[in-house]
Amino acid sequence: MDLYKLRQLFIFGFISCVLIGSMAVKAQSMDVSTGKQVSIEYTLTLEDETVVDSNVGAEPLTFIQGSHNIIPGLESALDGMTVGDSKQVTITPENAYGPVNEDAVSEIEKTYIPEDSLKVGAVLQGQNPDGRVIIARVVEIKEETVLLDYNHPLAGKTLNFDVKIMAVGNAPKPDTPKTDK
């Protein structure tokens, strides 16, 4: 074999290896995995098929996989999916908003509730002593008191998601604080 053909064979082999390697890296980066920025389109329904929420046809929900910004059951169900994949996922209360906590219901005097919120289903927002926002729903109105439920509205419910992966990419690097020297 002459030197010219040997050189061409070497260059062809080198280019092939580079292309195959870059395709493998690209394919790997398209999988949903911890640390990746993921955008999804979803519809959330309850067991009775009531639609709770949907962003289909609107802005996708974007989050960092593994950062616990979405419910654990959905986060783990998305692992390994790629752009364009769709999936139906059923998530138990334990992997969503938890079971209903009976201790998260309290009875308070009506005088502490604004007059326009004295109706079953009203949602109240306040702050605890640490300054964290707390939300409660009025579940019962008695003669002198009001029963408030601090559970998440979806606590104790099985959730069904129809989800589609719209984008997967590297998470943006956090801004580094500037230091004065």
N, C-alpha and C. Protein backbone atom coordinates (compact mmCIF):
# COMPACT_ATOMS: atom_id res chain seq x y z
N MET A 1 0.86 -1.18 0.00
CA MET A 1 0.00 0.00 0.00
C MET A 1 0.90 1.24 0.00
N ASP A 2 0.60 2.15 -0.89
CA ASP A 2 1.46 3.33 -0.96
C ASP A 2 1.09 4.32 0.15
N LEU A 3 1.96 5.24 0.40
CA LEU A 3 1.84 6.21 1.48
C LEU A 3 0.58 7.08 1.34
N TYR A 4 0.21 7.45 0.14
CA TYR A 4 -0.97 8.28 -0.11
C TYR A 4 -2.24 7.58 0.36
N LYS A 5 -2.41 6.30 -0.02
CA LYS A 5 -3.61 5.55 0.38
C LYS A 5 -3.61 5.31 1.88
N LEU A 6 -2.46 5.05 2.46
CA LEU A 6 -2.36 4.83 3.90
C LEU A 6 -2.77 6.11 4.66
N ARG A 7 -2.31 7.25 4.17
CA ARG A 7 -2.65 8.52 4.78
C ARG A 7 -4.16 8.78 4.68
N GLN A 8 -4.77 8.52 3.52
CA GLN A 8 -6.22 8.69 3.34
C GLN A 8 -6.99 7.77 4.28
N LEU A 9 -6.55 6.54 4.41
CA LEU A 9 -7.21 5.58 5.30
C LEU A 9 -7.13 6.06 6.74
N PHE A 10 -5.98 6.58 7.14
CA PHE A 10 -5.80 7.09 8.50
C PHE A 10 -6.73 8.28 8.74
N ILE A 11 -6.77 9.23 7.81
CA ILE A 11 -7.62 10.41 7.96
C ILE A 11 -9.09 10.00 8.01
N PHE A 12 -9.52 9.09 7.14
CA PHE A 12 -10.90 8.60 7.15
C PHE A 12 -11.23 7.96 8.50
N GLY A 13 -10.33 7.13 9.01
CA GLY A 13 -10.55 6.48 10.31
C GLY A 13 -10.64 7.49 11.43
N PHE A 14 -9.75 8.48 11.41
CA PHE A 14 -9.75 9.51 12.44
C PHE A 14 -11.05 10.31 12.42
N ILE A 15 -11.47 10.75 11.24
CA ILE A 15 -12.72 11.51 11.11
C ILE A 15 -13.92 10.67 11.56
N SER A 16 -13.93 9.40 11.20
CA SER A 16 -15.03 8.51 11.61
C SER A 16 -15.10 8.40 13.12
N CYS A 17 -13.94 8.24 13.77
CA CYS A 17 -13.92 8.15 15.24
C CYS A 17 -14.43 9.44 15.88
N VAL A 18 -14.01 10.57 15.36
CA VAL A 18 -14.45 11.85 15.90
C VAL A 18 -15.96 12.00 15.74
N LEU A 19 -16.48 11.67 14.56
CA LEU A 19 -17.92 11.79 14.32
C LEU A 19 -18.72 10.86 15.21
N ILE A 20 -18.29 9.62 15.33
CA ILE A 20 -19.00 8.65 16.17
C ILE A 20 -18.94 9.10 17.63
N GLY A 21 -17.79 9.57 18.06
CA GLY A 21 -17.64 10.06 19.43
C GLY A 21 -18.53 11.25 19.72
N SER A 22 -18.59 12.20 18.79
CA SER A 22 -19.43 13.38 19.02
C SER A 22 -20.91 13.02 18.98
N MET A 23 -21.28 12.04 18.16
CA MET A 23 -22.69 11.61 18.14
C MET A 23 -23.04 10.94 19.46
N ALA A 24 -22.13 10.17 20.03
CA ALA A 24 -22.39 9.51 21.31
C ALA A 24 -22.54 10.54 22.42
N VAL A 25 -21.69 11.56 22.42
CA VAL A 25 -21.79 12.62 23.42
C VAL A 25 -23.10 13.37 23.26
N LYS A 26 -23.48 13.68 22.01
CA LYS A 26 -24.73 14.39 21.76
C LYS A 26 -25.92 13.56 22.22
N ALA A 27 -25.94 12.27 21.90
CA ALA A 27 -27.05 11.41 22.31
C ALA A 27 -27.13 11.33 23.82
N GLN A 28 -25.98 11.24 24.48
CA GLN A 28 -25.97 11.14 25.92
C GLN A 28 -26.51 12.43 26.55
N SER A 29 -26.17 13.57 25.99
CA SER A 29 -26.60 14.84 26.57
C SER A 29 -28.09 15.08 26.37
N MET A 30 -28.74 14.33 25.50
CA MET A 30 -30.16 14.52 25.24
C MET A 30 -31.04 13.73 26.21
N ASP A 31 -30.46 12.87 27.03
CA ASP A 31 -31.24 12.11 28.01
C ASP A 31 -31.52 12.97 29.23
N VAL A 32 -32.72 12.82 29.79
CA VAL A 32 -33.04 13.48 31.04
C VAL A 32 -32.23 12.79 32.13
N SER A 33 -31.41 13.55 32.83
CA SER A 33 -30.61 13.01 33.93
C SER A 33 -30.32 14.14 34.90
N THR A 34 -29.86 13.78 36.08
CA THR A 34 -29.59 14.75 37.13
C THR A 34 -28.67 15.86 36.63
N GLY A 35 -29.07 17.08 36.90
CA GLY A 35 -28.28 18.24 36.53
C GLY A 35 -28.63 18.83 35.18
N LYS A 36 -29.45 18.16 34.40
CA LYS A 36 -29.84 18.68 33.08
C LYS A 36 -31.02 19.63 33.22
N GLN A 37 -31.06 20.64 32.36
CA GLN A 37 -32.22 21.51 32.28
C GLN A 37 -33.23 20.85 31.36
N VAL A 38 -34.44 20.67 31.86
CA VAL A 38 -35.48 19.93 31.14
C VAL A 38 -36.70 20.82 30.96
N SER A 39 -37.29 20.77 29.78
CA SER A 39 -38.55 21.48 29.52
C SER A 39 -39.60 20.44 29.14
N ILE A 40 -40.76 20.51 29.80
CA ILE A 40 -41.82 19.54 29.53
C ILE A 40 -43.14 20.25 29.23
N GLU A 41 -43.95 19.52 28.50
CA GLU A 41 -45.34 19.88 28.27
C GLU A 41 -46.13 18.81 29.01
N TYR A 42 -47.17 19.19 29.74
CA TYR A 42 -47.88 18.19 30.54
C TYR A 42 -49.36 18.54 30.69
N THR A 43 -50.12 17.50 31.00
CA THR A 43 -51.49 17.66 31.46
C THR A 43 -51.62 16.81 32.71
N LEU A 44 -52.11 17.41 33.78
CA LEU A 44 -52.29 16.74 35.06
C LEU A 44 -53.77 16.49 35.29
N THR A 45 -54.13 15.22 35.51
CA THR A 45 -55.52 14.87 35.80
C THR A 45 -55.58 14.04 37.08
N LEU A 46 -56.77 14.02 37.68
CA LEU A 46 -57.02 13.18 38.84
C LEU A 46 -57.60 11.85 38.38
N GLU A 47 -57.84 10.95 39.32
CA GLU A 47 -58.36 9.63 38.97
C GLU A 47 -59.72 9.71 38.28
N ASP A 48 -60.52 10.74 38.62
CA ASP A 48 -61.84 10.89 37.98
C ASP A 48 -61.75 11.63 36.64
N GLU A 49 -60.52 11.83 36.15
CA GLU A 49 -60.21 12.47 34.87
C GLU A 49 -60.42 13.99 34.86
N THR A 50 -60.62 14.58 36.04
CA THR A 50 -60.68 16.03 36.14
C THR A 50 -59.32 16.60 35.79
N VAL A 51 -59.29 17.56 34.86
CA VAL A 51 -58.02 18.21 34.51
C VAL A 51 -57.71 19.26 35.58
N VAL A 52 -56.57 19.10 36.23
CA VAL A 52 -56.14 20.01 37.28
C VAL A 52 -55.29 21.13 36.70
N ASP A 53 -54.42 20.78 35.75
CA ASP A 53 -53.50 21.76 35.18
C ASP A 53 -52.97 21.24 33.86
N SER A 54 -52.65 22.15 32.97
CA SER A 54 -52.05 21.78 31.69
C SER A 54 -51.32 22.98 31.12
N ASN A 55 -50.18 22.71 30.49
CA ASN A 55 -49.47 23.78 29.80
C ASN A 55 -49.34 23.46 28.31
N VAL A 56 -50.13 22.50 27.83
CA VAL A 56 -50.08 22.12 26.42
C VAL A 56 -50.45 23.33 25.57
N GLY A 57 -49.61 23.63 24.61
CA GLY A 57 -49.82 24.78 23.74
C GLY A 57 -49.38 26.09 24.33
N ALA A 58 -48.82 26.04 25.53
CA ALA A 58 -48.32 27.25 26.19
C ALA A 58 -46.83 27.08 26.46
N GLU A 59 -46.31 27.89 27.33
CA GLU A 59 -44.89 27.84 27.69
C GLU A 59 -44.59 26.53 28.41
N PRO A 60 -43.55 25.79 28.01
CA PRO A 60 -43.20 24.56 28.72
C PRO A 60 -42.72 24.86 30.14
N LEU A 61 -42.88 23.88 31.01
CA LEU A 61 -42.34 23.96 32.37
C LEU A 61 -40.86 23.58 32.28
N THR A 62 -39.98 24.45 32.74
CA THR A 62 -38.55 24.21 32.67
C THR A 62 -37.99 24.14 34.09
N PHE A 63 -37.15 23.14 34.34
CA PHE A 63 -36.57 22.92 35.66
C PHE A 63 -35.25 22.17 35.51
N ILE A 64 -34.50 22.08 36.59
CA ILE A 64 -33.26 21.32 36.61
C ILE A 64 -33.58 19.96 37.23
N GLN A 65 -33.36 18.90 36.46
CA GLN A 65 -33.63 17.54 36.93
C GLN A 65 -32.77 17.23 38.15
N GLY A 66 -33.40 16.69 39.18
CA GLY A 66 -32.68 16.33 40.40
C GLY A 66 -32.62 17.43 41.43
N SER A 67 -33.17 18.60 41.11
CA SER A 67 -33.12 19.72 42.06
C SER A 67 -34.36 19.77 42.96
N HIS A 68 -35.25 18.81 42.81
CA HIS A 68 -36.46 18.69 43.63
C HIS A 68 -37.40 19.88 43.49
N ASN A 69 -37.46 20.43 42.28
CA ASN A 69 -38.39 21.53 42.01
C ASN A 69 -39.75 21.04 41.52
N ILE A 70 -39.84 19.75 41.22
CA ILE A 70 -41.12 19.14 40.86
C ILE A 70 -41.33 17.95 41.79
N ILE A 71 -42.53 17.39 41.80
CA ILE A 71 -42.80 16.30 42.73
C ILE A 71 -41.91 15.10 42.43
N PRO A 72 -41.50 14.36 43.47
CA PRO A 72 -40.52 13.28 43.31
C PRO A 72 -40.94 12.20 42.32
N GLY A 73 -42.20 11.82 42.33
CA GLY A 73 -42.66 10.75 41.43
C GLY A 73 -42.53 11.12 39.97
N LEU A 74 -42.81 12.37 39.63
CA LEU A 74 -42.67 12.82 38.25
C LEU A 74 -41.20 12.94 37.89
N GLU A 75 -40.41 13.48 38.80
CA GLU A 75 -38.99 13.65 38.53
C GLU A 75 -38.33 12.31 38.21
N SER A 76 -38.61 11.28 39.00
CA SER A 76 -37.98 9.97 38.75
C SER A 76 -38.54 9.32 37.48
N ALA A 77 -39.80 9.58 37.15
CA ALA A 77 -40.39 8.99 35.93
C ALA A 77 -39.77 9.56 34.66
N LEU A 78 -39.23 10.76 34.74
CA LEU A 78 -38.65 11.41 33.56
C LEU A 78 -37.22 10.95 33.26
N ASP A 79 -36.54 10.37 34.25
CA ASP A 79 -35.16 9.93 34.06
C ASP A 79 -35.02 9.04 32.83
N GLY A 80 -34.06 9.36 31.98
CA GLY A 80 -33.77 8.54 30.81
C GLY A 80 -34.58 8.88 29.58
N MET A 81 -35.60 9.70 29.71
CA MET A 81 -36.39 10.09 28.54
C MET A 81 -35.57 11.04 27.67
N THR A 82 -35.95 11.16 26.41
CA THR A 82 -35.25 12.05 25.49
C THR A 82 -36.25 13.00 24.84
N VAL A 83 -35.72 14.01 24.17
CA VAL A 83 -36.57 15.00 23.50
C VAL A 83 -37.53 14.29 22.55
N GLY A 84 -38.81 14.65 22.66
CA GLY A 84 -39.83 14.05 21.81
C GLY A 84 -40.55 12.88 22.45
N ASP A 85 -39.96 12.29 23.51
CA ASP A 85 -40.61 11.17 24.20
C ASP A 85 -41.85 11.66 24.93
N SER A 86 -42.89 10.82 24.93
CA SER A 86 -44.11 11.08 25.69
C SER A 86 -44.35 9.90 26.60
N LYS A 87 -45.03 10.16 27.71
CA LYS A 87 -45.27 9.10 28.68
C LYS A 87 -46.50 9.46 29.51
N GLN A 88 -47.24 8.43 29.91
CA GLN A 88 -48.32 8.61 30.87
C GLN A 88 -47.80 8.05 32.19
N VAL A 89 -47.90 8.86 33.24
CA VAL A 89 -47.34 8.51 34.54
C VAL A 89 -48.42 8.64 35.60
N THR A 90 -48.58 7.61 36.42
CA THR A 90 -49.49 7.66 37.56
C THR A 90 -48.63 7.75 38.82
N ILE A 91 -48.91 8.74 39.65
CA ILE A 91 -48.08 8.99 40.82
C ILE A 91 -48.95 8.92 42.07
N THR A 92 -48.52 8.09 43.01
CA THR A 92 -49.25 7.91 44.26
C THR A 92 -49.06 9.14 45.15
N PRO A 93 -49.96 9.34 46.11
CA PRO A 93 -49.82 10.50 47.01
C PRO A 93 -48.45 10.55 47.70
N GLU A 94 -47.90 9.39 48.06
CA GLU A 94 -46.61 9.36 48.75
C GLU A 94 -45.48 9.93 47.90
N ASN A 95 -45.61 9.85 46.59
CA ASN A 95 -44.59 10.37 45.68
C ASN A 95 -45.01 11.69 45.03
N ALA A 96 -46.09 12.28 45.58
CA ALA A 96 -46.57 13.56 45.06
C ALA A 96 -46.58 14.57 46.21
N TYR A 97 -47.75 14.88 46.73
CA TYR A 97 -47.86 15.87 47.80
C TYR A 97 -48.11 15.24 49.16
N GLY A 98 -47.95 13.92 49.24
CA GLY A 98 -48.09 13.21 50.50
C GLY A 98 -49.53 12.91 50.84
N PRO A 99 -49.72 12.10 51.88
CA PRO A 99 -51.08 11.81 52.33
C PRO A 99 -51.65 13.02 53.06
N VAL A 100 -52.95 13.01 53.25
CA VAL A 100 -53.58 14.09 54.02
C VAL A 100 -53.11 13.97 55.46
N ASN A 101 -52.64 15.07 56.02
CA ASN A 101 -52.17 15.11 57.40
C ASN A 101 -53.29 15.71 58.25
N GLU A 102 -53.92 14.88 59.06
CA GLU A 102 -55.04 15.34 59.89
C GLU A 102 -54.61 16.43 60.87
N ASP A 103 -53.33 16.44 61.25
CA ASP A 103 -52.82 17.46 62.17
C ASP A 103 -52.67 18.82 61.50
N ALA A 104 -52.80 18.87 60.18
CA ALA A 104 -52.66 20.13 59.45
C ALA A 104 -54.01 20.83 59.28
N VAL A 105 -54.95 20.50 60.14
CA VAL A 105 -56.27 21.14 60.15
C VAL A 105 -56.43 21.79 61.52
N SER A 106 -56.84 23.06 61.53
CA SER A 106 -57.02 23.73 62.82
C SER A 106 -58.30 24.54 62.83
N GLU A 107 -58.77 24.79 64.03
CA GLU A 107 -60.00 25.56 64.22
C GLU A 107 -59.62 26.88 64.87
N ILE A 108 -60.04 27.98 64.25
CA ILE A 108 -59.73 29.30 64.82
C ILE A 108 -61.01 30.14 64.88
N GLU A 109 -60.95 31.17 65.68
CA GLU A 109 -62.11 32.05 65.83
C GLU A 109 -62.37 32.82 64.53
N LYS A 110 -63.64 33.02 64.24
CA LYS A 110 -64.04 33.74 63.02
C LYS A 110 -63.45 35.14 62.95
N THR A 111 -63.24 35.74 64.10
CA THR A 111 -62.76 37.13 64.12
C THR A 111 -61.39 37.29 63.48
N TYR A 112 -60.63 36.20 63.34
CA TYR A 112 -59.30 36.26 62.72
C TYR A 112 -59.36 36.16 61.19
N ILE A 113 -60.55 35.88 60.66
CA ILE A 113 -60.69 35.68 59.22
C ILE A 113 -61.37 36.90 58.61
N PRO A 114 -60.83 37.44 57.50
CA PRO A 114 -61.50 38.57 56.83
C PRO A 114 -62.93 38.18 56.42
N GLU A 115 -63.83 39.11 56.53
CA GLU A 115 -65.25 38.86 56.24
C GLU A 115 -65.46 38.26 54.86
N ASP A 116 -64.74 38.75 53.85
CA ASP A 116 -64.94 38.26 52.48
C ASP A 116 -64.37 36.85 52.27
N SER A 117 -63.66 36.31 53.25
CA SER A 117 -63.11 34.95 53.15
C SER A 117 -63.89 33.95 53.98
N LEU A 118 -65.00 34.38 54.55
CA LEU A 118 -65.80 33.47 55.37
C LEU A 118 -66.74 32.65 54.49
N LYS A 119 -66.14 31.84 53.62
CA LYS A 119 -66.92 30.92 52.79
C LYS A 119 -66.07 29.68 52.54
N VAL A 120 -66.74 28.53 52.51
CA VAL A 120 -66.04 27.27 52.28
C VAL A 120 -65.35 27.32 50.92
N GLY A 121 -64.09 26.93 50.90
CA GLY A 121 -63.30 26.93 49.67
C GLY A 121 -62.40 28.15 49.53
N ALA A 122 -62.63 29.17 50.36
CA ALA A 122 -61.78 30.36 50.29
C ALA A 122 -60.34 29.98 50.64
N VAL A 123 -59.41 30.60 49.96
CA VAL A 123 -57.99 30.34 50.20
C VAL A 123 -57.40 31.55 50.90
N LEU A 124 -56.75 31.29 52.02
CA LEU A 124 -56.13 32.35 52.80
C LEU A 124 -54.62 32.22 52.73
N GLN A 125 -53.94 33.33 52.74
CA GLN A 125 -52.48 33.32 52.72
C GLN A 125 -51.97 34.17 53.87
N GLY A 126 -50.96 33.66 54.54
CA GLY A 126 -50.37 34.40 55.65
C GLY A 126 -48.91 34.03 55.79
N GLN A 127 -48.33 34.40 56.92
CA GLN A 127 -46.93 34.08 57.20
C GLN A 127 -46.84 33.45 58.58
N ASN A 128 -45.92 32.47 58.68
CA ASN A 128 -45.66 31.92 60.00
C ASN A 128 -44.63 32.81 60.69
N PRO A 129 -44.30 32.54 61.96
CA PRO A 129 -43.34 33.40 62.67
C PRO A 129 -41.97 33.50 62.00
N ASP A 130 -41.60 32.50 61.19
CA ASP A 130 -40.31 32.54 60.48
C ASP A 130 -40.38 33.36 59.20
N GLY A 131 -41.56 33.86 58.85
CA GLY A 131 -41.71 34.66 57.64
C GLY A 131 -42.06 33.85 56.40
N ARG A 132 -42.21 32.53 56.55
CA ARG A 132 -42.56 31.68 55.40
C ARG A 132 -44.04 31.83 55.10
N VAL A 133 -44.36 31.81 53.82
CA VAL A 133 -45.76 31.92 53.39
C VAL A 133 -46.48 30.62 53.71
N ILE A 134 -47.66 30.75 54.30
CA ILE A 134 -48.51 29.58 54.54
C ILE A 134 -49.86 29.83 53.88
N ILE A 135 -50.42 28.75 53.38
CA ILE A 135 -51.71 28.83 52.68
C ILE A 135 -52.67 27.86 53.35
N ALA A 136 -53.89 28.32 53.55
CA ALA A 136 -54.92 27.48 54.16
C ALA A 136 -56.21 27.64 53.39
N ARG A 137 -57.00 26.56 53.39
CA ARG A 137 -58.32 26.60 52.76
C ARG A 137 -59.38 26.52 53.85
N VAL A 138 -60.43 27.29 53.70
CA VAL A 138 -61.56 27.21 54.61
C VAL A 138 -62.35 25.97 54.24
N VAL A 139 -62.47 25.02 55.18
CA VAL A 139 -63.19 23.78 54.88
C VAL A 139 -64.53 23.67 55.61
N GLU A 140 -64.70 24.46 56.67
CA GLU A 140 -65.98 24.42 57.38
C GLU A 140 -66.14 25.71 58.18
N ILE A 141 -67.37 26.20 58.21
CA ILE A 141 -67.66 27.40 58.99
C ILE A 141 -68.68 27.02 60.05
N LYS A 142 -68.30 27.24 61.30
CA LYS A 142 -69.18 26.95 62.44
C LYS A 142 -69.71 28.27 62.99
N GLU A 143 -70.48 28.18 64.05
CA GLU A 143 -71.10 29.38 64.60
C GLU A 143 -70.06 30.42 65.05
N GLU A 144 -69.03 29.99 65.77
CA GLU A 144 -68.02 30.92 66.31
C GLU A 144 -66.63 30.74 65.70
N THR A 145 -66.44 29.61 65.00
CA THR A 145 -65.09 29.29 64.53
C THR A 145 -65.09 28.89 63.05
N VAL A 146 -63.88 28.79 62.52
CA VAL A 146 -63.67 28.37 61.14
C VAL A 146 -62.64 27.25 61.16
N LEU A 147 -62.89 26.20 60.36
CA LEU A 147 -61.94 25.09 60.24
C LEU A 147 -61.07 25.35 59.02
N LEU A 148 -59.73 25.42 59.24
CA LEU A 148 -58.77 25.67 58.17
C LEU A 148 -57.94 24.43 57.90
N ASP A 149 -57.71 24.14 56.63
CA ASP A 149 -56.89 23.00 56.21
C ASP A 149 -55.63 23.54 55.57
N TYR A 150 -54.48 23.17 56.14
CA TYR A 150 -53.18 23.63 55.64
C TYR A 150 -52.53 22.62 54.71
N ASN A 151 -53.18 21.49 54.46
CA ASN A 151 -52.65 20.50 53.52
C ASN A 151 -52.63 21.08 52.11
N HIS A 152 -51.70 20.58 51.29
CA HIS A 152 -51.71 20.96 49.87
C HIS A 152 -53.03 20.47 49.28
N PRO A 153 -53.65 21.22 48.37
CA PRO A 153 -54.93 20.80 47.79
C PRO A 153 -54.87 19.42 47.11
N LEU A 154 -53.68 18.98 46.68
CA LEU A 154 -53.56 17.68 46.03
C LEU A 154 -53.02 16.60 46.97
N ALA A 155 -52.90 16.91 48.26
CA ALA A 155 -52.47 15.89 49.23
C ALA A 155 -53.50 14.77 49.25
N GLY A 156 -53.01 13.54 49.32
CA GLY A 156 -53.89 12.38 49.38
C GLY A 156 -54.45 11.95 48.04
N LYS A 157 -54.07 12.61 46.98
CA LYS A 157 -54.63 12.29 45.66
C LYS A 157 -53.59 11.61 44.77
N THR A 158 -54.08 10.64 43.98
CA THR A 158 -53.27 10.01 42.95
C THR A 158 -53.31 10.91 41.73
N LEU A 159 -52.13 11.20 41.18
CA LEU A 159 -52.02 12.14 40.06
C LEU A 159 -51.64 11.41 38.79
N ASN A 160 -52.26 11.80 37.69
CA ASN A 160 -51.94 11.23 36.37
C ASN A 160 -51.39 12.34 35.49
N PHE A 161 -50.20 12.10 34.98
CA PHE A 161 -49.56 13.07 34.09
C PHE A 161 -49.43 12.48 32.69
N ASP A 162 -49.81 13.26 31.69
CA ASP A 162 -49.42 13.00 30.30
C ASP A 162 -48.31 14.01 30.06
N VAL A 163 -47.11 13.51 29.84
CA VAL A 163 -45.96 14.40 29.77
C VAL A 163 -45.17 14.16 28.49
N LYS A 164 -44.63 15.23 27.94
CA LYS A 164 -43.79 15.15 26.74
C LYS A 164 -42.53 15.97 26.98
N ILE A 165 -41.38 15.40 26.65
CA ILE A 165 -40.11 16.10 26.79
C ILE A 165 -39.94 17.03 25.59
N MET A 166 -39.84 18.32 25.86
CA MET A 166 -39.71 19.33 24.80
C MET A 166 -38.26 19.71 24.54
N ALA A 167 -37.45 19.71 25.60
CA ALA A 167 -36.03 20.09 25.46
C ALA A 167 -35.24 19.53 26.62
N VAL A 168 -33.99 19.17 26.35
CA VAL A 168 -33.04 18.74 27.38
C VAL A 168 -31.70 19.38 27.03
N GLY A 169 -31.09 19.96 28.01
CA GLY A 169 -29.78 20.58 27.76
C GLY A 169 -29.00 20.74 29.05
N ASN A 170 -27.83 21.28 28.92
CA ASN A 170 -27.02 21.54 30.10
C ASN A 170 -27.64 22.69 30.89
N ALA A 171 -27.60 22.55 32.20
CA ALA A 171 -28.15 23.60 33.07
C ALA A 171 -27.28 24.84 32.95
N PRO A 172 -27.92 26.00 32.98
CA PRO A 172 -27.11 27.23 32.94
C PRO A 172 -26.22 27.30 34.17
N LYS A 173 -25.05 27.85 33.99
CA LYS A 173 -24.14 28.00 35.12
C LYS A 173 -24.66 29.11 36.01
N PRO A 174 -24.61 28.89 37.32
CA PRO A 174 -25.08 29.95 38.22
C PRO A 174 -24.18 31.17 38.12
N ASP A 175 -24.78 32.32 38.31
CA ASP A 175 -23.99 33.56 38.30
C ASP A 175 -23.00 33.52 39.44
N THR A 176 -21.79 33.87 39.15
CA THR A 176 -20.79 33.93 40.21
C THR A 176 -20.79 35.33 40.79
N PRO A 177 -20.81 35.42 42.10
CA PRO A 177 -20.84 36.75 42.71
C PRO A 177 -19.55 37.51 42.41
N LYS A 178 -19.71 38.80 42.17
CA LYS A 178 -18.55 39.64 41.90
C LYS A 178 -17.96 40.08 43.23
N THR A 179 -16.66 40.02 43.30
CA THR A 179 -15.99 40.46 44.52
C THR A 179 -15.18 41.71 44.21
N ASP A 180 -15.23 42.64 45.11
CA ASP A 180 -14.43 43.86 44.96
C ASP A 180 -13.06 43.60 45.54
N LYS A 181 -12.05 43.99 44.78
CA LYS A 181 -10.68 43.79 45.27
C LYS A 181 -10.00 45.09 45.47
